[in-house]
PDB file of N, CA and C in Angstrom:
ATOM      1  N   MET A   1     177.387 101.135  57.279  1.00  0.00           N
ATOM      2  CA  MET A   1     176.339 100.669  58.176  1.00  0.00           C
ATOM      3  C   MET A   1     176.998  99.848  59.289  1.00  0.00           C
ATOM      4  N   ASP A   2     176.789 100.241  60.549  1.00  0.00           N
ATOM      5  CA  ASP A   2     177.367  99.482  61.651  1.00  0.00           C
ATOM      6  C   ASP A   2     176.381  98.427  62.144  1.00  0.00           C
ATOM      7  N   ASN A   3     176.740  97.710  63.207  1.00  0.00           N
ATOM      8  CA  ASN A   3     175.912  96.599  63.696  1.00  0.00           C
ATOM      9  C   ASN A   3     174.532  97.046  64.177  1.00  0.00           C
ATOM     10  N   THR A   4     174.452  98.232  64.795  1.00  0.00           N
ATOM     11  CA  THR A   4     173.143  98.677  65.282  1.00  0.00           C
ATOM     12  C   THR A   4     172.205  98.971  64.120  1.00  0.00           C
ATOM     13  N   ASP A   5     172.717  99.489  62.993  1.00  0.00           N
ATOM     14  CA  ASP A   5     171.883  99.728  61.823  1.00  0.00           C
ATOM     15  C   ASP A   5     171.404  98.423  61.213  1.00  0.00           C
ATOM     16  N   LYS A   6     172.265  97.409  61.227  1.00  0.00           N
ATOM     17  CA  LYS A   6     171.883  96.108  60.669  1.00  0.00           C
ATOM     18  C   LYS A   6     170.763  95.476  61.499  1.00  0.00           C
ATOM     19  N   LYS A   7     170.832  95.662  62.831  1.00  0.00           N
ATOM     20  CA  LYS A   7     169.811  95.073  63.695  1.00  0.00           C
ATOM     21  C   LYS A   7     168.458  95.734  63.487  1.00  0.00           C
ATOM     22  N   LYS A   8     168.430  96.990  63.112  1.00  0.00           N
ATOM     23  CA  LYS A   8     167.179  97.724  62.957  1.00  0.00           C
ATOM     24  C   LYS A   8     166.695  97.786  61.518  1.00  0.00           C
ATOM     25  N   SER A   9     167.306  97.082  60.624  1.00  0.00           N
ATOM     26  CA  SER A   9     166.868  97.127  59.234  1.00  0.00           C
ATOM     27  C   SER A   9     165.906  95.982  58.946  1.00  0.00           C
ATOM     28  N   GLY A  10     165.124  96.149  57.909  1.00  0.00           N
ATOM     29  CA  GLY A  10     164.240  95.074  57.455  1.00  0.00           C
ATOM     30  C   GLY A  10     163.081  94.831  58.402  1.00  0.00           C
ATOM     31  N   PHE A  11     162.891  93.571  58.722  1.00  0.00           N
ATOM     32  CA  PHE A  11     161.755  93.134  59.520  1.00  0.00           C
ATOM     33  C   PHE A  11     161.738  93.770  60.903  1.00  0.00           C
ATOM     34  N   MET A  12     162.897  93.825  61.565  1.00  0.00           N
ATOM     35  CA  MET A  12     162.948  94.373  62.915  1.00  0.00           C
ATOM     36  C   MET A  12     162.595  95.855  62.918  1.00  0.00           C
ATOM     37  N   GLN A  13     162.992  96.579  61.908  1.00  0.00           N
ATOM     38  CA  GLN A  13     162.644  97.995  61.832  1.00  0.00           C
ATOM     39  C   GLN A  13     161.135  98.145  61.669  1.00  0.00           C
ATOM     40  N   TRP A  14     160.563  97.336  60.801  1.00  0.00           N
ATOM     41  CA  TRP A  14     159.118  97.371  60.585  1.00  0.00           C
ATOM     42  C   TRP A  14     158.379  97.008  61.873  1.00  0.00           C
ATOM     43  N   LEU A  15     158.912  96.014  62.600  1.00  0.00           N
ATOM     44  CA  LEU A  15     158.270  95.535  63.806  1.00  0.00           C
ATOM     45  C   LEU A  15     158.252  96.595  64.901  1.00  0.00           C
ATOM     46  N   THR A  16     159.278  97.433  64.951  1.00  0.00           N
ATOM     47  CA  THR A  16     159.373  98.415  66.029  1.00  0.00           C
ATOM     48  C   THR A  16     158.809  99.781  65.657  1.00  0.00           C
ATOM     49  N   GLU A  17     158.321  99.950  64.438  1.00  0.00           N
ATOM     50  CA  GLU A  17     157.752 101.234  64.037  1.00  0.00           C
ATOM     51  C   GLU A  17     156.462 101.494  64.788  1.00  0.00           C
ATOM     52  N   ASP A  18     156.238 102.764  65.133  1.00  0.00           N
ATOM     53  CA  ASP A  18     155.008 103.146  65.812  1.00  0.00           C
ATOM     54  C   ASP A  18     154.017 103.640  64.772  1.00  0.00           C
ATOM     55  N   ASP A  19     153.182 102.731  64.289  1.00  0.00           N
ATOM     56  CA  ASP A  19     152.197 103.116  63.284  1.00  0.00           C
ATOM     57  C   ASP A  19     150.778 102.815  63.782  1.00  0.00           C
ATOM     58  N   SER A  20     150.588 102.955  65.102  1.00  0.00           N
ATOM     59  CA  SER A  20     149.264 102.699  65.653  1.00  0.00           C
ATOM     60  C   SER A  20     148.279 103.735  65.126  1.00  0.00           C
ATOM     61  N   PRO A  21     147.029 103.335  64.956  1.00  0.00           N
ATOM     62  CA  PRO A  21     146.043 104.275  64.425  1.00  0.00           C
ATOM     63  C   PRO A  21     145.839 105.431  65.396  1.00  0.00           C
ATOM     64  N   GLU A  22     145.474 106.547  64.852  1.00  0.00           N
ATOM     65  CA  GLU A  22     145.298 107.741  65.673  1.00  0.00           C
ATOM     66  C   GLU A  22     143.853 107.885  66.149  1.00  0.00           C
ATOM     67  N   ILE A  23     143.236 106.773  66.523  1.00  0.00           N
ATOM     68  CA  ILE A  23     141.876 106.822  67.047  1.00  0.00           C
ATOM     69  C   ILE A  23     141.802 105.963  68.285  1.00  0.00           C
ATOM     70  N   GLY A  24     140.839 106.235  69.117  1.00  0.00           N
ATOM     71  CA  GLY A  24     140.560 105.387  70.263  1.00  0.00           C
ATOM     72  C   GLY A  24     141.674 105.344  71.284  1.00  0.00           C
ATOM     73  N   ILE A  25     141.659 104.312  72.080  1.00  0.00           N
ATOM     74  CA  ILE A  25     142.599 104.135  73.175  1.00  0.00           C
ATOM     75  C   ILE A  25     144.023 103.935  72.648  1.00  0.00           C
ATOM     76  N   ALA A  26     144.181 103.375  71.451  1.00  0.00           N
ATOM     77  CA  ALA A  26     145.514 103.088  70.917  1.00  0.00           C
ATOM     78  C   ALA A  26     146.292 104.360  70.593  1.00  0.00           C
ATOM     79  N   SER A  27     145.603 105.478  70.484  1.00  0.00           N
ATOM     80  CA  SER A  27     146.298 106.709  70.130  1.00  0.00           C
ATOM     81  C   SER A  27     146.822 107.394  71.381  1.00  0.00           C
ATOM     82  N   LYS A  28     147.499 108.465  71.162  1.00  0.00           N
ATOM     83  CA  LYS A  28     148.087 109.186  72.273  1.00  0.00           C
ATOM     84  C   LYS A  28     147.254 110.405  72.654  1.00  0.00           C
ATOM     85  N   GLU A  29     145.975 110.441  72.225  1.00  0.00           N
ATOM     86  CA  GLU A  29     145.111 111.551  72.563  1.00  0.00           C
ATOM     87  C   GLU A  29     144.655 111.416  74.013  1.00  0.00           C
ATOM     88  N   PRO A  30     144.326 112.530  74.650  1.00  0.00           N
ATOM     89  CA  PRO A  30     143.838 112.469  76.037  1.00  0.00           C
ATOM     90  C   PRO A  30     142.539 111.668  76.131  1.00  0.00           C
ATOM     91  N   ILE A  31     142.336 111.033  77.265  1.00  0.00           N
ATOM     92  CA  ILE A  31     141.174 110.161  77.438  1.00  0.00           C
ATOM     93  C   ILE A  31     139.873 110.960  77.349  1.00  0.00           C
ATOM     94  N   GLY A  32     139.895 112.232  77.761  1.00  0.00           N
ATOM     95  CA  GLY A  32     138.698 113.074  77.666  1.00  0.00           C
ATOM     96  C   GLY A  32     138.276 113.283  76.226  1.00  0.00           C
ATOM     97  N   ASP A  33     139.263 113.472  75.323  1.00  0.00           N
ATOM     98  CA  ASP A  33     138.948 113.636  73.904  1.00  0.00           C
ATOM     99  C   ASP A  33     138.348 112.357  73.333  1.00  0.00           C
ATOM    100  N   TYR A  34     138.841 111.229  73.809  1.00  0.00           N
ATOM    101  CA  TYR A  34     138.306 109.945  73.341  1.00  0.00           C
ATOM    102  C   TYR A  34     136.819 109.838  73.684  1.00  0.00           C
ATOM    103  N   PHE A  35     136.472 110.160  74.938  1.00  0.00           N
ATOM    104  CA  PHE A  35     135.078 110.036  75.351  1.00  0.00           C
ATOM    105  C   PHE A  35     134.190 111.084  74.691  1.00  0.00           C
ATOM    106  N   LYS A  36     134.734 112.254  74.364  1.00  0.00           N
ATOM    107  CA  LYS A  36     133.965 113.241  73.606  1.00  0.00           C
ATOM    108  C   LYS A  36     133.648 112.688  72.212  1.00  0.00           C
ATOM    109  N   GLY A  37     134.610 112.002  71.618  1.00  0.00           N
ATOM    110  CA  GLY A  37     134.378 111.368  70.319  1.00  0.00           C
ATOM    111  C   GLY A  37     133.336 110.274  70.396  1.00  0.00           C
ATOM    112  N   VAL A  38     133.394 109.491  71.483  1.00  0.00           N
ATOM    113  CA  VAL A  38     132.401 108.434  71.681  1.00  0.00           C
ATOM    114  C   VAL A  38     131.009 109.050  71.808  1.00  0.00           C
ATOM    115  N   GLN A  39     130.909 110.139  72.564  1.00  0.00           N
ATOM    116  CA  GLN A  39     129.618 110.801  72.746  1.00  0.00           C
ATOM    117  C   GLN A  39     129.089 111.340  71.414  1.00  0.00           C
ATOM    118  N   THR A  40     129.982 111.915  70.612  1.00  0.00           N
ATOM    119  CA  THR A  40     129.577 112.436  69.301  1.00  0.00           C
ATOM    120  C   THR A  40     129.059 111.313  68.406  1.00  0.00           C
ATOM    121  N   GLU A  41     129.774 110.194  68.364  1.00  0.00           N
ATOM    122  CA  GLU A  41     129.341 109.055  67.543  1.00  0.00           C
ATOM    123  C   GLU A  41     128.047 108.451  68.086  1.00  0.00           C
ATOM    124  N   PHE A  42     127.902 108.444  69.412  1.00  0.00           N
ATOM    125  CA  PHE A  42     126.705 107.872  70.027  1.00  0.00           C
ATOM    126  C   PHE A  42     125.463 108.654  69.621  1.00  0.00           C
ATOM    127  N   LYS A  43     125.590 109.963  69.427  1.00  0.00           N
ATOM    128  CA  LYS A  43     124.460 110.785  69.015  1.00  0.00           C
ATOM    129  C   LYS A  43     124.032 110.482  67.584  1.00  0.00           C
ATOM    130  N   LYS A  44     124.905 109.887  66.783  1.00  0.00           N
ATOM    131  CA  LYS A  44     124.593 109.575  65.389  1.00  0.00           C
ATOM    132  C   LYS A  44     123.784 108.280  65.235  1.00  0.00           C
ATOM    133  N   ILE A  45     123.675 107.515  66.301  1.00  0.00           N
ATOM    134  CA  ILE A  45     122.968 106.234  66.239  1.00  0.00           C
ATOM    135  C   ILE A  45     121.481 106.480  65.993  1.00  0.00           C
ATOM    136  N   GLN A  46     120.913 105.745  65.068  1.00  0.00           N
ATOM    137  CA  GLN A  46     119.476 105.823  64.804  1.00  0.00           C
ATOM    138  C   GLN A  46     118.821 104.596  65.432  1.00  0.00           C
ATOM    139  N   TRP A  47     118.168 104.816  66.567  1.00  0.00           N
ATOM    140  CA  TRP A  47     117.547 103.723  67.287  1.00  0.00           C
ATOM    141  C   TRP A  47     116.263 103.301  66.583  1.00  0.00           C
ATOM    142  N   PRO A  48     115.949 101.994  66.596  1.00  0.00           N
ATOM    143  CA  PRO A  48     114.705 101.539  65.957  1.00  0.00           C
ATOM    144  C   PRO A  48     113.499 101.961  66.788  1.00  0.00           C
ATOM    145  N   ASP A  49     112.363 102.100  66.104  1.00  0.00           N
ATOM    146  CA  ASP A  49     111.149 102.454  66.834  1.00  0.00           C
ATOM    147  C   ASP A  49     110.540 101.192  67.456  1.00  0.00           C
ATOM    148  N   LYS A  50     109.521 101.395  68.277  1.00  0.00           N
ATOM    149  CA  LYS A  50     108.918 100.300  69.034  1.00  0.00           C
ATOM    150  C   LYS A  50     108.355  99.209  68.123  1.00  0.00           C
ATOM    151  N   GLU A  51     107.712  99.613  67.033  1.00  0.00           N
ATOM    152  CA  GLU A  51     107.112  98.640  66.110  1.00  0.00           C
ATOM    153  C   GLU A  51     108.180  97.778  65.429  1.00  0.00           C
ATOM    154  N   GLN A  52     109.302  98.373  65.061  1.00  0.00           N
ATOM    155  CA  GLN A  52     110.377  97.614  64.424  1.00  0.00           C
ATOM    156  C   GLN A  52     110.972  96.598  65.404  1.00  0.00           C
ATOM    157  N   VAL A  53     111.141  97.009  66.658  1.00  0.00           N
ATOM    158  CA  VAL A  53     111.676  96.095  67.674  1.00  0.00           C
ATOM    159  C   VAL A  53     110.721  94.918  67.874  1.00  0.00           C
ATOM    160  N   LYS A  54     109.421  95.204  67.966  1.00  0.00           N
ATOM    161  CA  LYS A  54     108.429  94.129  68.135  1.00  0.00           C
ATOM    162  C   LYS A  54     108.468  93.164  66.953  1.00  0.00           C
ATOM    163  N   SER A  55     108.504  93.718  65.755  1.00  0.00           N
ATOM    164  CA  SER A  55     108.491  92.901  64.547  1.00  0.00           C
ATOM    165  C   SER A  55     109.733  92.002  64.463  1.00  0.00           C
ATOM    166  N   GLU A  56     110.886  92.589  64.711  1.00  0.00           N
ATOM    167  CA  GLU A  56     112.122  91.793  64.626  1.00  0.00           C
ATOM    168  C   GLU A  56     112.205  90.770  65.751  1.00  0.00           C
ATOM    169  N   PHE A  57     111.709  91.126  66.939  1.00  0.00           N
ATOM    170  CA  PHE A  57     111.686  90.174  68.050  1.00  0.00           C
ATOM    171  C   PHE A  57     110.805  88.977  67.702  1.00  0.00           C
ATOM    172  N   LEU A  58     109.636  89.253  67.162  1.00  0.00           N
ATOM    173  CA  LEU A  58     108.717  88.178  66.778  1.00  0.00           C
ATOM    174  C   LEU A  58     109.340  87.293  65.701  1.00  0.00           C
ATOM    175  N   THR A  59     110.024  87.901  64.744  1.00  0.00           N
ATOM    176  CA  THR A  59     110.694  87.133  63.688  1.00  0.00           C
ATOM    177  C   THR A  59     111.744  86.199  64.280  1.00  0.00           C
ATOM    178  N   VAL A  60     112.536  86.705  65.208  1.00  0.00           N
ATOM    179  CA  VAL A  60     113.570  85.877  65.836  1.00  0.00           C
ATOM    180  C   VAL A  60     112.938  84.725  66.613  1.00  0.00           C
ATOM    181  N   VAL A  61     111.879  84.997  67.365  1.00  0.00           N
ATOM    182  CA  VAL A  61     111.219  83.952  68.146  1.00  0.00           C
ATOM    183  C   VAL A  61     110.662  82.866  67.224  1.00  0.00           C
ATOM    184  N   ILE A  62     110.050  83.253  66.115  1.00  0.00           N
ATOM    185  CA  ILE A  62     109.494  82.275  65.172  1.00  0.00           C
ATOM    186  C   ILE A  62     110.604  81.428  64.542  1.00  0.00           C
ATOM    187  N   ILE A  63     111.699  82.070  64.132  1.00  0.00           N
ATOM    188  CA  ILE A  63     112.808  81.321  63.516  1.00  0.00           C
ATOM    189  C   ILE A  63     113.421  80.346  64.518  1.00  0.00           C
ATOM    190  N   VAL A  64     113.603  80.793  65.759  1.00  0.00           N
ATOM    191  CA  VAL A  64     114.157  79.902  66.792  1.00  0.00           C
ATOM    192  C   VAL A  64     113.221  78.730  67.041  1.00  0.00           C
ATOM    193  N   ALA A  65     111.919  78.982  67.065  1.00  0.00           N
ATOM    194  CA  ALA A  65     110.948  77.908  67.280  1.00  0.00           C
ATOM    195  C   ALA A  65     110.998  76.893  66.135  1.00  0.00           C
ATOM    196  N   ILE A  66     111.060  77.371  64.908  1.00  0.00           N
ATOM    197  CA  ILE A  66     111.122  76.469  63.748  1.00  0.00           C
ATOM    198  C   ILE A  66     112.385  75.624  63.786  1.00  0.00           C
ATOM    199  N   ILE A  67     113.517  76.263  64.046  1.00  0.00           N
ATOM    200  CA  ILE A  67     114.787  75.517  64.099  1.00  0.00           C
ATOM    201  C   ILE A  67     114.762  74.510  65.252  1.00  0.00           C
ATOM    202  N   SER A  68     114.159  74.885  66.385  1.00  0.00           N
ATOM    203  CA  SER A  68     114.063  73.970  67.524  1.00  0.00           C
ATOM    204  C   SER A  68     113.247  72.733  67.168  1.00  0.00           C
ATOM    205  N   VAL A  69     112.148  72.925  66.452  1.00  0.00           N
ATOM    206  CA  VAL A  69     111.317  71.784  66.035  1.00  0.00           C
ATOM    207  C   VAL A  69     112.092  70.894  65.069  1.00  0.00           C
ATOM    208  N   ILE A  70     112.802  71.490  64.132  1.00  0.00           N
ATOM    209  CA  ILE A  70     113.607  70.709  63.174  1.00  0.00           C
ATOM    210  C   ILE A  70     114.663  69.890  63.903  1.00  0.00           C
ATOM    211  N   VAL A  71     115.376  70.520  64.833  1.00  0.00           N
ATOM    212  CA  VAL A  71     116.415  69.805  65.595  1.00  0.00           C
ATOM    213  C   VAL A  71     115.786  68.699  66.437  1.00  0.00           C
ATOM    214  N   TYR A  72     114.608  68.952  67.016  1.00  0.00           N
ATOM    215  CA  TYR A  72     113.920  67.933  67.804  1.00  0.00           C
ATOM    216  C   TYR A  72     113.614  66.701  66.955  1.00  0.00           C
ATOM    217  N   PHE A  73     113.070  66.915  65.746  1.00  0.00           N
ATOM    218  CA  PHE A  73     112.726  65.771  64.903  1.00  0.00           C
ATOM    219  C   PHE A  73     113.967  65.049  64.385  1.00  0.00           C
ATOM    220  N   ILE A  74     115.024  65.779  64.116  1.00  0.00           N
ATOM    221  CA  ILE A  74     116.287  65.125  63.720  1.00  0.00           C
ATOM    222  C   ILE A  74     116.795  64.262  64.878  1.00  0.00           C
ATOM    223  N   ASP A  75     116.750  64.799  66.097  1.00  0.00           N
ATOM    224  CA  ASP A  75     117.195  64.054  67.273  1.00  0.00           C
ATOM    225  C   ASP A  75     116.325  62.824  67.493  1.00  0.00           C
ATOM    226  N   LEU A  76     115.019  62.980  67.341  1.00  0.00           N
ATOM    227  CA  LEU A  76     114.094  61.866  67.509  1.00  0.00           C
ATOM    228  C   LEU A  76     114.377  60.780  66.466  1.00  0.00           C
ATOM    229  N   GLY A  77     114.603  61.212  65.218  1.00  0.00           N
ATOM    230  CA  GLY A  77     114.893  60.244  64.161  1.00  0.00           C
ATOM    231  C   GLY A  77     116.204  59.509  64.396  1.00  0.00           C
ATOM    232  N   LEU A  78     117.245  60.245  64.779  1.00  0.00           N
ATOM    233  CA  LEU A  78     118.530  59.590  65.055  1.00  0.00           C
ATOM    234  C   LEU A  78     118.418  58.639  66.232  1.00  0.00           C
ATOM    235  N   ASP A  79     117.607  59.003  67.241  1.00  0.00           N
ATOM    236  CA  ASP A  79     117.397  58.116  68.388  1.00  0.00           C
ATOM    237  C   ASP A  79     116.735  56.817  67.948  1.00  0.00           C
ATOM    238  N   LYS A  80     115.751  56.919  67.058  1.00  0.00           N
ATOM    239  CA  LYS A  80     115.069  55.715  66.551  1.00  0.00           C
ATOM    240  C   LYS A  80     116.042  54.855  65.733  1.00  0.00           C
ATOM    241  N   ILE A  81     116.851  55.510  64.890  1.00  0.00           N
ATOM    242  CA  ILE A  81     117.813  54.767  64.057  1.00  0.00           C
ATOM    243  C   ILE A  81     118.835  54.051  64.929  1.00  0.00           C
ATOM    244  N   ILE A  82     119.378  54.756  65.922  1.00  0.00           N
ATOM    245  CA  ILE A  82     120.373  54.124  66.810  1.00  0.00           C
ATOM    246  C   ILE A  82     119.730  53.021  67.625  1.00  0.00           C
ATOM    247  N   GLY A  83     118.468  53.229  68.077  1.00  0.00           N
ATOM    248  CA  GLY A  83     117.754  52.183  68.814  1.00  0.00           C
ATOM    249  C   GLY A  83     117.517  50.959  67.963  1.00  0.00           C
ATOM    250  N   PHE A  84     117.216  51.163  66.681  1.00  0.00           N
ATOM    251  CA  PHE A  84     117.005  50.056  65.757  1.00  0.00           C
ATOM    252  C   PHE A  84     118.309  49.288  65.509  1.00  0.00           C
ATOM    253  N   ILE A  85     119.418  50.026  65.356  1.00  0.00           N
ATOM    254  CA  ILE A  85     120.720  49.383  65.106  1.00  0.00           C
ATOM    255  C   ILE A  85     121.153  48.589  66.334  1.00  0.00           C
ATOM    256  N   LYS A  86     120.963  49.136  67.520  1.00  0.00           N
ATOM    257  CA  LYS A  86     121.366  48.435  68.760  1.00  0.00           C
ATOM    258  C   LYS A  86     120.510  47.189  68.997  1.00  0.00           C
ATOM    259  N   GLY A  87     119.293  47.237  68.526  1.00  0.00           N
ATOM    260  CA  GLY A  87     118.415  46.072  68.623  1.00  0.00           C
ATOM    261  C   GLY A  87     117.610  46.103  69.829  1.00  0.00           C
TER     262      GLY A  87
END
């Protein structure tokens, strides 16, 4: 084993290996094939219906409102406590 083999053994050899995944931009496939794959996967998406979107939107709005009220009362309480301590 000469010096060049020693430099490429172990960690350095592992570091320089080309083991990038064979998908997406990281691969060496043409960009057109990549976008054809994206289009194929995009067709597999199952979009929610209008009623599901409304229901989940309403749920998020209610949860945000509840958390906002909780944070408001915590802030109000801490303000009173700090005001009491300051005198």
